Amino acid sequence: MKICTKCGMEKELSGFYRSKYGPQGRSSECKSCTNARQKANYDPIKSRAKNLQNRFGISLEDYDQMLEKQNNQCSICGTDTPGNKGRFVVDHNHDTGEVRGLLCWSCNVGIGHLQDNPSILLSAFNYLSTNGHYGTPKGE
């Protein structure tokens, strides 16, 4: 049993997050108090800006400028509906980390499944061109 330094309630050790710095290997604040504090301090815009900076090295302003330059559309298919979480995905080179553009969720997943490989993409294009594709009857 342990007493939370925030609410003063005595709780089982399982009611506290693990911490290598805390006594008994647990944090001094219970899970309920920790969760409430984090929820109260959460700023979605600040979190998104931090995520963009940490993952891709761009600011929220950079993202907005890229999107404006792309006319608020996917850089591949031209849709204005991003899908997934309602935002366009930052496409980047996985080897260099260089940002290539903003894509809708479908296009991002598509090129990801094609291993970001232009040869495979061209092969898929040739396959669809030869065997018919959505919206065009076979043989036209």
Protein backbone atom coordinates (compact mmCIF):
# COMPACT_ATOMS: atom_id res chain seq x y z
CA MET A 1 0.00 0.00 0.00
CA LYS A 2 1.09 3.54 -0.74
CA ILE A 3 -0.29 7.04 -0.15
CA CYS A 4 -0.67 9.40 -3.11
CA THR A 5 1.09 12.73 -2.55
CA LYS A 6 -1.58 14.52 -4.61
CA CYS A 7 -4.95 13.22 -3.33
CA GLY A 8 -3.73 11.71 -0.05
CA MET A 9 -5.55 8.40 -0.62
CA GLU A 10 -3.96 5.10 0.27
CA LYS A 11 -3.93 2.71 -2.69
CA GLU A 12 -2.43 -0.59 -3.80
CA LEU A 13 0.97 -0.33 -5.52
CA SER A 14 -0.74 -1.25 -8.80
CA GLY A 15 -2.58 2.10 -8.55
CA PHE A 16 0.74 3.92 -9.17
CA TYR A 17 2.78 4.01 -12.37
CA ARG A 18 6.21 2.40 -12.31
CA SER A 19 9.12 4.79 -11.79
CA LYS A 20 12.75 3.96 -11.25
CA TYR A 21 13.10 7.21 -9.28
CA GLY A 22 10.17 6.78 -6.91
CA PRO A 23 10.12 4.93 -3.62
CA GLN A 24 9.15 1.27 -4.01
CA GLY A 25 9.75 1.66 -7.76
CA ARG A 26 6.52 3.63 -8.19
CA SER A 27 5.66 7.27 -8.78
CA SER A 28 4.56 9.34 -5.80
CA GLU A 29 1.32 10.36 -7.53
CA CYS A 30 -1.41 7.75 -8.18
CA LYS A 31 -2.53 6.85 -11.71
CA SER A 32 -5.83 8.73 -11.33
CA CYS A 33 -4.10 11.96 -10.27
CA THR A 34 -1.41 11.58 -12.95
CA ASN A 35 -4.03 11.03 -15.67
CA ALA A 36 -6.14 13.99 -14.49
CA ARG A 37 -3.09 16.29 -14.41
CA GLN A 38 -1.95 15.22 -17.88
CA LYS A 39 -5.45 15.62 -19.31
CA ALA A 40 -5.78 19.11 -17.81
CA ASN A 41 -2.41 20.17 -19.24
CA TYR A 42 -2.86 18.60 -22.71
CA ASP A 43 -2.78 21.07 -25.60
CA PRO A 44 -3.53 19.31 -28.93
CA ILE A 45 -1.98 22.08 -31.06
CA LYS A 46 1.21 22.14 -29.02
CA SER A 47 1.34 18.33 -29.10
CA ARG A 48 0.91 18.25 -32.89
CA ALA A 49 3.57 20.94 -33.37
CA LYS A 50 5.99 18.99 -31.19
CA ASN A 51 5.25 15.77 -33.09
CA LEU A 52 5.87 17.42 -36.48
CA GLN A 53 9.14 18.91 -35.24
CA ASN A 54 10.40 15.70 -33.62
CA ARG A 55 9.40 13.30 -36.41
CA PHE A 56 9.96 15.38 -39.53
CA GLY A 57 11.90 18.50 -38.52
CA ILE A 58 9.13 20.85 -39.68
CA SER A 59 7.00 23.37 -37.82
CA LEU A 60 3.23 23.63 -37.87
CA GLU A 61 3.71 26.72 -40.05
CA ASP A 62 5.84 24.69 -42.49
CA TYR A 63 3.05 22.10 -42.70
CA ASP A 64 0.42 24.77 -43.34
CA GLN A 65 2.59 26.38 -46.05
CA MET A 66 3.12 23.02 -47.75
CA LEU A 67 -0.60 22.34 -47.70
CA GLU A 68 -1.36 25.78 -49.12
CA LYS A 69 1.25 25.27 -51.87
CA GLN A 70 -0.52 21.99 -52.74
CA ASN A 71 -3.89 23.84 -52.91
CA ASN A 72 -5.10 21.92 -49.83
CA GLN A 73 -4.97 18.68 -51.81
CA CYS A 74 -3.10 15.39 -51.79
CA SER A 75 0.12 15.70 -53.77
CA ILE A 76 -0.62 12.45 -55.64
CA CYS A 77 -4.36 12.07 -56.27
CA GLY A 78 -5.52 15.66 -55.74
CA THR A 79 -8.27 14.86 -53.24
CA ASP A 80 -9.17 17.46 -50.65
CA THR A 81 -10.31 14.73 -48.26
CA PRO A 82 -7.29 13.55 -46.26
CA GLY A 83 -8.90 10.52 -44.59
CA ASN A 84 -7.72 8.86 -41.37
CA LYS A 85 -7.50 11.58 -38.67
CA GLY A 86 -8.72 14.40 -40.91
CA ARG A 87 -5.23 15.65 -41.76
CA PHE A 88 -2.91 15.05 -44.64
CA VAL A 89 0.02 12.76 -43.87
CA VAL A 90 3.60 14.01 -44.04
CA ASP A 91 5.31 11.84 -46.65
CA HIS A 92 9.05 11.51 -46.21
CA ASN A 93 12.02 9.54 -47.45
CA HIS A 94 12.65 6.86 -44.84
CA ASP A 95 16.38 6.75 -45.61
CA THR A 96 17.17 10.48 -45.57
CA GLY A 97 14.24 11.81 -43.53
CA GLU A 98 13.59 14.45 -46.22
CA VAL A 99 9.96 15.56 -46.40
CA ARG A 100 8.51 15.03 -49.90
CA GLY A 101 5.00 16.38 -49.52
CA LEU A 102 1.58 15.89 -47.95
CA LEU A 103 -0.57 12.95 -48.98
CA CYS A 104 -4.03 11.62 -48.22
CA TRP A 105 -4.05 8.52 -46.07
CA SER A 106 -4.85 6.21 -49.02
CA CYS A 107 -1.98 7.42 -51.21
CA ASN A 108 0.46 7.29 -48.30
CA VAL A 109 -0.51 3.70 -47.49
CA GLY A 110 -0.45 2.82 -51.20
CA ILE A 111 3.11 3.97 -51.82
CA GLY A 112 4.13 2.47 -48.48
CA HIS A 113 2.83 -0.94 -49.54
CA LEU A 114 4.73 -0.49 -52.79
CA GLN A 115 7.85 0.07 -50.67
CA ASP A 116 8.28 3.67 -51.90
CA ASN A 117 9.83 2.04 -54.95
CA PRO A 118 9.25 3.79 -58.34
CA SER A 119 9.95 0.54 -60.24
CA ILE A 120 7.22 -1.32 -58.36
CA LEU A 121 4.87 1.64 -58.80
CA LEU A 122 5.55 1.68 -62.55
CA SER A 123 4.97 -2.05 -62.69
CA ALA A 124 1.62 -1.56 -60.90
CA PHE A 125 0.75 1.21 -63.39
CA ASN A 126 1.55 -1.10 -66.32
CA TYR A 127 -0.48 -3.91 -64.75
CA LEU A 128 -3.53 -1.69 -64.30
CA SER A 129 -3.14 -0.19 -67.79
CA THR A 130 -2.97 -3.65 -69.36
CA ASN A 131 -5.64 -5.39 -67.26
CA GLY A 132 -8.16 -2.60 -66.86
CA HIS A 133 -8.69 -0.40 -63.87
CA TYR A 134 -11.43 1.26 -61.93
CA GLY A 135 -13.60 3.53 -64.05
CA THR A 136 -12.38 2.27 -67.42
CA PRO A 137 -13.89 -0.85 -69.00
CA LYS A 138 -11.36 -3.49 -70.07
CA GLY A 139 -10.28 -3.11 -73.66
CA GLU A 140 -10.81 0.66 -74.01
